[in-house]
Amino acid sequence: MIAPEDEEESTALLIKTYTDKEIKQLRKMTEEVRDHWKKMLVEAPANLSEGLRMAIEKSIEQAEADLKEIQDELLDRAH
């Protein structure tokens, strides 16, 4: 099993191998995924289990963290 810090490092290294076009596509897809989870959370029934609500919130947090990594890489490339 990969340790969380190793996984983060390998993700950052992987992103560096993407072309500009690929990283922009990744950003768009990640934004769509994040927006989907946000919509699901807003439209969720009041009786949504706490576990499912927490899983959706974690998915949103992960998408936002991924978007930050993508944005950081795009900024690095711009300089």
PDB file of N, CA and C in Angstrom:
ATOM      1  N   MET A   1       0.844  -1.184   0.000  1.00  0.00           N
ATOM      2  CA  MET A   1       0.000   0.000   0.000  1.00  0.00           C
ATOM      3  C   MET A   1       0.887   1.245   0.000  1.00  0.00           C
ATOM      4  N   ILE A   2       0.482   2.263  -0.757  1.00  0.00           N
ATOM      5  CA  ILE A   2       1.248   3.503  -0.855  1.00  0.00           C
ATOM      6  C   ILE A   2       0.871   4.405   0.305  1.00  0.00           C
ATOM      7  N   ALA A   3       1.888   4.947   0.981  1.00  0.00           N
ATOM      8  CA  ALA A   3       1.631   5.892   2.076  1.00  0.00           C
ATOM      9  C   ALA A   3       1.031   7.167   1.483  1.00  0.00           C
ATOM     10  N   PRO A   4       0.124   7.846   2.217  1.00  0.00           N
ATOM     11  CA  PRO A   4      -0.519   9.048   1.686  1.00  0.00           C
ATOM     12  C   PRO A   4       0.475  10.087   1.157  1.00  0.00           C
ATOM     13  N   GLU A   5       1.558  10.300   1.873  1.00  0.00           N
ATOM     14  CA  GLU A   5       2.514  11.312   1.410  1.00  0.00           C
ATOM     15  C   GLU A   5       3.206  10.866   0.119  1.00  0.00           C
ATOM     16  N   ASP A   6       3.437   9.563  -0.049  1.00  0.00           N
ATOM     17  CA  ASP A   6       4.017   9.047  -1.287  1.00  0.00           C
ATOM     18  C   ASP A   6       3.031   9.178  -2.440  1.00  0.00           C
ATOM     19  N   GLU A   7       1.758   8.943  -2.144  1.00  0.00           N
ATOM     20  CA  GLU A   7       0.724   9.069  -3.174  1.00  0.00           C
ATOM     21  C   GLU A   7       0.641  10.504  -3.657  1.00  0.00           C
ATOM     22  N   GLU A   8       0.679  11.476  -2.730  1.00  0.00           N
ATOM     23  CA  GLU A   8       0.639  12.880  -3.101  1.00  0.00           C
ATOM     24  C   GLU A   8       1.837  13.240  -3.967  1.00  0.00           C
ATOM     25  N   GLU A   9       3.007  12.751  -3.586  1.00  0.00           N
ATOM     26  CA  GLU A   9       4.217  13.037  -4.349  1.00  0.00           C
ATOM     27  C   GLU A   9       4.131  12.426  -5.741  1.00  0.00           C
ATOM     28  N   SER A  10       3.646  11.178  -5.838  1.00  0.00           N
ATOM     29  CA  SER A  10       3.561  10.535  -7.144  1.00  0.00           C
ATOM     30  C   SER A  10       2.519  11.220  -8.024  1.00  0.00           C
ATOM     31  N   THR A  11       1.437  11.728  -7.440  1.00  0.00           N
ATOM     32  CA  THR A  11       0.435  12.468  -8.208  1.00  0.00           C
ATOM     33  C   THR A  11       1.037  13.748  -8.752  1.00  0.00           C
ATOM     34  N   ALA A  12       1.771  14.473  -7.923  1.00  0.00           N
ATOM     35  CA  ALA A  12       2.406  15.714  -8.362  1.00  0.00           C
ATOM     36  C   ALA A  12       3.410  15.432  -9.476  1.00  0.00           C
ATOM     37  N   LEU A  13       4.176  14.366  -9.339  1.00  0.00           N
ATOM     38  CA  LEU A  13       5.134  14.015 -10.383  1.00  0.00           C
ATOM     39  C   LEU A  13       4.428  13.609 -11.665  1.00  0.00           C
ATOM     40  N   LEU A  14       3.335  12.881 -11.543  1.00  0.00           N
ATOM     41  CA  LEU A  14       2.574  12.462 -12.715  1.00  0.00           C
ATOM     42  C   LEU A  14       2.027  13.667 -13.466  1.00  0.00           C
ATOM     43  N   ILE A  15       1.477  14.631 -12.746  1.00  0.00           N
ATOM     44  CA  ILE A  15       0.926  15.826 -13.377  1.00  0.00           C
ATOM     45  C   ILE A  15       2.002  16.547 -14.191  1.00  0.00           C
ATOM     46  N   LYS A  16       3.220  16.539 -13.713  1.00  0.00           N
ATOM     47  CA  LYS A  16       4.315  17.204 -14.423  1.00  0.00           C
ATOM     48  C   LYS A  16       4.593  16.575 -15.786  1.00  0.00           C
ATOM     49  N   THR A  17       4.182  15.308 -15.972  1.00  0.00           N
ATOM     50  CA  THR A  17       4.412  14.637 -17.256  1.00  0.00           C
ATOM     51  C   THR A  17       3.322  14.944 -18.278  1.00  0.00           C
ATOM     52  N   TYR A  18       2.244  15.574 -17.863  1.00  0.00           N
ATOM     53  CA  TYR A  18       1.133  15.872 -18.768  1.00  0.00           C
ATOM     54  C   TYR A  18       1.494  17.028 -19.694  1.00  0.00           C
ATOM     55  N   THR A  19       0.960  16.984 -20.893  1.00  0.00           N
ATOM     56  CA  THR A  19       1.099  18.121 -21.797  1.00  0.00           C
ATOM     57  C   THR A  19       0.177  19.237 -21.300  1.00  0.00           C
ATOM     58  N   ASP A  20       0.374  20.438 -21.815  1.00  0.00           N
ATOM     59  CA  ASP A  20      -0.499  21.553 -21.436  1.00  0.00           C
ATOM     60  C   ASP A  20      -1.957  21.226 -21.762  1.00  0.00           C
ATOM     61  N   LYS A  21      -2.173  20.630 -22.919  1.00  0.00           N
ATOM     62  CA  LYS A  21      -3.537  20.271 -23.319  1.00  0.00           C
ATOM     63  C   LYS A  21      -4.134  19.249 -22.349  1.00  0.00           C
ATOM     64  N   GLU A  22      -3.360  18.246 -21.972  1.00  0.00           N
ATOM     65  CA  GLU A  22      -3.854  17.215 -21.057  1.00  0.00           C
ATOM     66  C   GLU A  22      -4.173  17.793 -19.680  1.00  0.00           C
ATOM     67  N   ILE A  23      -3.320  18.673 -19.193  1.00  0.00           N
ATOM     68  CA  ILE A  23      -3.558  19.227 -17.855  1.00  0.00           C
ATOM     69  C   ILE A  23      -4.782  20.148 -17.853  1.00  0.00           C
ATOM     70  N   LYS A  24      -5.011  20.836 -18.949  1.00  0.00           N
ATOM     71  CA  LYS A  24      -6.213  21.679 -19.047  1.00  0.00           C
ATOM     72  C   LYS A  24      -7.474  20.809 -19.131  1.00  0.00           C
ATOM     73  N   GLN A  25      -7.369  19.681 -19.824  1.00  0.00           N
ATOM     74  CA  GLN A  25      -8.494  18.734 -19.869  1.00  0.00           C
ATOM     75  C   GLN A  25      -8.755  18.151 -18.482  1.00  0.00           C
ATOM     76  N   LEU A  26      -7.673  17.826 -17.782  1.00  0.00           N
ATOM     77  CA  LEU A  26      -7.799  17.301 -16.420  1.00  0.00           C
ATOM     78  C   LEU A  26      -8.475  18.322 -15.514  1.00  0.00           C
ATOM     79  N   ARG A  27      -8.087  19.590 -15.646  1.00  0.00           N
ATOM     80  CA  ARG A  27      -8.716  20.643 -14.836  1.00  0.00           C
ATOM     81  C   ARG A  27     -10.210  20.708 -15.117  1.00  0.00           C
ATOM     82  N   LYS A  28     -10.585  20.687 -16.398  1.00  0.00           N
ATOM     83  CA  LYS A  28     -12.001  20.768 -16.762  1.00  0.00           C
ATOM     84  C   LYS A  28     -12.777  19.570 -16.209  1.00  0.00           C
ATOM     85  N   MET A  29     -12.232  18.366 -16.354  1.00  0.00           N
ATOM     86  CA  MET A  29     -12.920  17.178 -15.847  1.00  0.00           C
ATOM     87  C   MET A  29     -13.031  17.208 -14.325  1.00  0.00           C
ATOM     88  N   THR A  30     -11.984  17.666 -13.651  1.00  0.00           N
ATOM     89  CA  THR A  30     -12.008  17.726 -12.191  1.00  0.00           C
ATOM     90  C   THR A  30     -13.019  18.756 -11.706  1.00  0.00           C
ATOM     91  N   GLU A  31     -13.120  19.880 -12.416  1.00  0.00           N
ATOM     92  CA  GLU A  31     -14.138  20.879 -12.066  1.00  0.00           C
ATOM     93  C   GLU A  31     -15.537  20.298 -12.234  1.00  0.00           C
ATOM     94  N   GLU A  32     -15.738  19.534 -13.306  1.00  0.00           N
ATOM     95  CA  GLU A  32     -17.046  18.917 -13.542  1.00  0.00           C
ATOM     96  C   GLU A  32     -17.389  17.909 -12.446  1.00  0.00           C
ATOM     97  N   VAL A  33     -16.406  17.131 -12.027  1.00  0.00           N
ATOM     98  CA  VAL A  33     -16.626  16.160 -10.950  1.00  0.00           C
ATOM     99  C   VAL A  33     -16.976  16.882  -9.654  1.00  0.00           C
ATOM    100  N   ARG A  34     -16.196  17.922  -9.317  1.00  0.00           N
ATOM    101  CA  ARG A  34     -16.465  18.689  -8.096  1.00  0.00           C
ATOM    102  C   ARG A  34     -17.870  19.287  -8.131  1.00  0.00           C
ATOM    103  N   ASP A  35     -18.229  19.874  -9.279  1.00  0.00           N
ATOM    104  CA  ASP A  35     -19.548  20.498  -9.404  1.00  0.00           C
ATOM    105  C   ASP A  35     -20.668  19.466  -9.295  1.00  0.00           C
ATOM    106  N   HIS A  36     -20.430  18.275  -9.821  1.00  0.00           N
ATOM    107  CA  HIS A  36     -21.413  17.190  -9.709  1.00  0.00           C
ATOM    108  C   HIS A  36     -21.656  16.841  -8.240  1.00  0.00           C
ATOM    109  N   TRP A  37     -20.564  16.671  -7.469  1.00  0.00           N
ATOM    110  CA  TRP A  37     -20.700  16.326  -6.048  1.00  0.00           C
ATOM    111  C   TRP A  37     -21.395  17.454  -5.283  1.00  0.00           C
ATOM    112  N   LYS A  38     -21.065  18.701  -5.608  1.00  0.00           N
ATOM    113  CA  LYS A  38     -21.722  19.831  -4.934  1.00  0.00           C
ATOM    114  C   LYS A  38     -23.216  19.822  -5.218  1.00  0.00           C
ATOM    115  N   LYS A  39     -23.584  19.566  -6.470  1.00  0.00           N
ATOM    116  CA  LYS A  39     -24.998  19.519  -6.847  1.00  0.00           C
ATOM    117  C   LYS A  39     -25.699  18.382  -6.105  1.00  0.00           C
ATOM    118  N   MET A  40     -25.034  17.228  -6.039  1.00  0.00           N
ATOM    119  CA  MET A  40     -25.630  16.093  -5.322  1.00  0.00           C
ATOM    120  C   MET A  40     -25.879  16.439  -3.859  1.00  0.00           C
ATOM    121  N   LEU A  41     -24.938  17.143  -3.251  1.00  0.00           N
ATOM    122  CA  LEU A  41     -25.070  17.507  -1.842  1.00  0.00           C
ATOM    123  C   LEU A  41     -26.242  18.468  -1.635  1.00  0.00           C
ATOM    124  N   VAL A  42     -26.382  19.437  -2.537  1.00  0.00           N
ATOM    125  CA  VAL A  42     -27.473  20.409  -2.435  1.00  0.00           C
ATOM    126  C   VAL A  42     -28.827  19.730  -2.645  1.00  0.00           C
ATOM    127  N   GLU A  43     -28.872  18.793  -3.583  1.00  0.00           N
ATOM    128  CA  GLU A  43     -30.136  18.144  -3.926  1.00  0.00           C
ATOM    129  C   GLU A  43     -30.424  16.906  -3.083  1.00  0.00           C
ATOM    130  N   ALA A  44     -29.531  16.573  -2.180  1.00  0.00           N
ATOM    131  CA  ALA A  44     -29.689  15.369  -1.364  1.00  0.00           C
ATOM    132  C   ALA A  44     -30.928  15.475  -0.482  1.00  0.00           C
ATOM    133  N   PRO A  45     -31.600  14.355  -0.303  1.00  0.00           N
ATOM    134  CA  PRO A  45     -32.761  14.375   0.592  1.00  0.00           C
ATOM    135  C   PRO A  45     -32.322  14.648   2.024  1.00  0.00           C
ATOM    136  N   ALA A  46     -33.239  15.176   2.794  1.00  0.00           N
ATOM    137  CA  ALA A  46     -32.950  15.527   4.188  1.00  0.00           C
ATOM    138  C   ALA A  46     -32.536  14.305   5.008  1.00  0.00           C
ATOM    139  N   ASN A  47     -33.005  13.140   4.603  1.00  0.00           N
ATOM    140  CA  ASN A  47     -32.692  11.929   5.368  1.00  0.00           C
ATOM    141  C   ASN A  47     -31.436  11.215   4.857  1.00  0.00           C
ATOM    142  N   LEU A  48     -30.597  11.903   4.107  1.00  0.00           N
ATOM    143  CA  LEU A  48     -29.338  11.333   3.626  1.00  0.00           C
ATOM    144  C   LEU A  48     -28.494  10.926   4.829  1.00  0.00           C
ATOM    145  N   SER A  49     -27.963   9.734   4.782  1.00  0.00           N
ATOM    146  CA  SER A  49     -27.191   9.260   5.930  1.00  0.00           C
ATOM    147  C   SER A  49     -25.959  10.135   6.136  1.00  0.00           C
ATOM    148  N   GLU A  50     -25.547  10.246   7.381  1.00  0.00           N
ATOM    149  CA  GLU A  50     -24.377  11.062   7.722  1.00  0.00           C
ATOM    150  C   GLU A  50     -23.122  10.531   7.016  1.00  0.00           C
ATOM    151  N   GLY A  51     -23.019   9.213   6.913  1.00  0.00           N
ATOM    152  CA  GLY A  51     -21.865   8.614   6.243  1.00  0.00           C
ATOM    153  C   GLY A  51     -21.791   8.987   4.776  1.00  0.00           C
ATOM    154  N   LEU A  52     -22.934   8.947   4.092  1.00  0.00           N
ATOM    155  CA  LEU A  52     -22.963   9.309   2.677  1.00  0.00           C
ATOM    156  C   LEU A  52     -22.693  10.807   2.502  1.00  0.00           C
ATOM    157  N   ARG A  53     -23.263  11.621   3.375  1.00  0.00           N
ATOM    158  CA  ARG A  53     -23.017  13.064   3.317  1.00  0.00           C
ATOM    159  C   ARG A  53     -21.518  13.346   3.505  1.00  0.00           C
ATOM    160  N   MET A  54     -20.915  12.655   4.446  1.00  0.00           N
ATOM    161  CA  MET A  54     -19.493  12.844   4.708  1.00  0.00           C
ATOM    162  C   MET A  54     -18.653  12.390   3.508  1.00  0.00           C
ATOM    163  N   ALA A  55     -19.046  11.294   2.867  1.00  0.00           N
ATOM    164  CA  ALA A  55     -18.323  10.797   1.699  1.00  0.00           C
ATOM    165  C   ALA A  55     -18.390  11.813   0.550  1.00  0.00           C
ATOM    166  N   ILE A  56     -19.540  12.408   0.346  1.00  0.00           N
ATOM    167  CA  ILE A  56     -19.691  13.418  -0.697  1.00  0.00           C
ATOM    168  C   ILE A  56     -18.830  14.634  -0.371  1.00  0.00           C
ATOM    169  N   GLU A  57     -18.854  15.069   0.888  1.00  0.00           N
ATOM    170  CA  GLU A  57     -18.032  16.213   1.297  1.00  0.00           C
ATOM    171  C   GLU A  57     -16.541  15.926   1.097  1.00  0.00           C
ATOM    172  N   LYS A  58     -16.116  14.704   1.416  1.00  0.00           N
ATOM    173  CA  LYS A  58     -14.710  14.315   1.212  1.00  0.00           C
ATOM    174  C   LYS A  58     -14.357  14.320  -0.276  1.00  0.00           C
ATOM    175  N   SER A  59     -15.286  13.893  -1.110  1.00  0.00           N
ATOM    176  CA  SER A  59     -15.061  13.896  -2.552  1.00  0.00           C
ATOM    177  C   SER A  59     -14.889  15.323  -3.071  1.00  0.00           C
ATOM    178  N   ILE A  60     -15.684  16.241  -2.545  1.00  0.00           N
ATOM    179  CA  ILE A  60     -15.560  17.647  -2.919  1.00  0.00           C
ATOM    180  C   ILE A  60     -14.203  18.176  -2.478  1.00  0.00           C
ATOM    181  N   GLU A  61     -13.813  17.874  -1.247  1.00  0.00           N
ATOM    182  CA  GLU A  61     -12.508  18.322  -0.736  1.00  0.00           C
ATOM    183  C   GLU A  61     -11.367  17.780  -1.590  1.00  0.00           C
ATOM    184  N   GLN A  62     -11.457  16.512  -1.986  1.00  0.00           N
ATOM    185  CA  GLN A  62     -10.400  15.917  -2.803  1.00  0.00           C
ATOM    186  C   GLN A  62     -10.325  16.579  -4.171  1.00  0.00           C
ATOM    187  N   ALA A  63     -11.471  16.842  -4.773  1.00  0.00           N
ATOM    188  CA  ALA A  63     -11.488  17.508  -6.072  1.00  0.00           C
ATOM    189  C   ALA A  63     -10.882  18.904  -5.962  1.00  0.00           C
ATOM    190  N   GLU A  64     -11.194  19.622  -4.883  1.00  0.00           N
ATOM    191  CA  GLU A  64     -10.628  20.960  -4.697  1.00  0.00           C
ATOM    192  C   GLU A  64      -9.116  20.906  -4.466  1.00  0.00           C
ATOM    193  N   ALA A  65      -8.651  19.887  -3.748  1.00  0.00           N
ATOM    194  CA  ALA A  65      -7.207  19.713  -3.547  1.00  0.00           C
ATOM    195  C   ALA A  65      -6.530  19.399  -4.881  1.00  0.00           C
ATOM    196  N   ASP A  66      -7.164  18.561  -5.680  1.00  0.00           N
ATOM    197  CA  ASP A  66      -6.620  18.236  -6.997  1.00  0.00           C
ATOM    198  C   ASP A  66      -6.565  19.482  -7.885  1.00  0.00           C
ATOM    199  N   LEU A  67      -7.612  20.294  -7.814  1.00  0.00           N
ATOM    200  CA  LEU A  67      -7.630  21.520  -8.606  1.00  0.00           C
ATOM    201  C   LEU A  67      -6.517  22.474  -8.182  1.00  0.00           C
ATOM    202  N   LYS A  68      -6.209  22.515  -6.902  1.00  0.00           N
ATOM    203  CA  LYS A  68      -5.110  23.361  -6.436  1.00  0.00           C
ATOM    204  C   LYS A  68      -3.783  22.862  -7.008  1.00  0.00           C
ATOM    205  N   GLU A  69      -3.570  21.548  -7.001  1.00  0.00           N
ATOM    206  CA  GLU A  69      -2.344  20.983  -7.587  1.00  0.00           C
ATOM    207  C   GLU A  69      -2.241  21.310  -9.068  1.00  0.00           C
ATOM    208  N   ILE A  70      -3.353  21.188  -9.765  1.00  0.00           N
ATOM    209  CA  ILE A  70      -3.381  21.486 -11.198  1.00  0.00           C
ATOM    210  C   ILE A  70      -3.070  22.956 -11.429  1.00  0.00           C
ATOM    211  N   GLN A  71      -3.705  23.833 -10.648  1.00  0.00           N
ATOM    212  CA  GLN A  71      -3.464  25.272 -10.787  1.00  0.00           C
ATOM    213  C   GLN A  71      -2.012  25.611 -10.489  1.00  0.00           C
ATOM    214  N   ASP A  72      -1.451  25.010  -9.452  1.00  0.00           N
ATOM    215  CA  ASP A  72      -0.042  25.240  -9.116  1.00  0.00           C
ATOM    216  C   ASP A  72       0.866  24.838 -10.273  1.00  0.00           C
ATOM    217  N   GLU A  73       0.566  23.714 -10.887  1.00  0.00           N
ATOM    218  CA  GLU A  73       1.381  23.254 -12.018  1.00  0.00           C
ATOM    219  C   GLU A  73       1.244  24.211 -13.203  1.00  0.00           C
ATOM    220  N   LEU A  74       0.042  24.671 -13.466  1.00  0.00           N
ATOM    221  CA  LEU A  74      -0.146  25.625 -14.558  1.00  0.00           C
ATOM    222  C   LEU A  74       0.596  26.933 -14.287  1.00  0.00           C
ATOM    223  N   LEU A  75       0.586  27.373 -13.037  1.00  0.00           N
ATOM    224  CA  LEU A  75       1.328  28.593 -12.685  1.00  0.00           C
ATOM    225  C   LEU A  75       2.828  28.374 -12.846  1.00  0.00           C
ATOM    226  N   ASP A  76       3.332  27.212 -12.433  1.00  0.00           N
ATOM    227  CA  ASP A  76       4.758  26.904 -12.606  1.00  0.00           C
ATOM    228  C   ASP A  76       5.147  26.941 -14.078  1.00  0.00           C
ATOM    229  N   ARG A  77       4.288  26.432 -14.913  1.00  0.00           N
ATOM    230  CA  ARG A  77       4.578  26.398 -16.351  1.00  0.00           C
ATOM    231  C   ARG A  77       4.542  27.788 -16.973  1.00  0.00           C
ATOM    232  N   ALA A  78       3.775  28.676 -16.390  1.00  0.00           N
ATOM    233  CA  ALA A  78       3.654  30.033 -16.930  1.00  0.00           C
ATOM    234  C   ALA A  78       4.902  30.865 -16.640  1.00  0.00           C
ATOM    235  N   HIS A  79       5.714  30.429 -15.689  1.00  0.00           N
ATOM    236  CA  HIS A  79       6.905  31.206 -15.305  1.00  0.00           C
ATOM    237  C   HIS A  79       8.142  30.670 -15.926  1.00  0.00           C
TER     238      HIS A  79
END
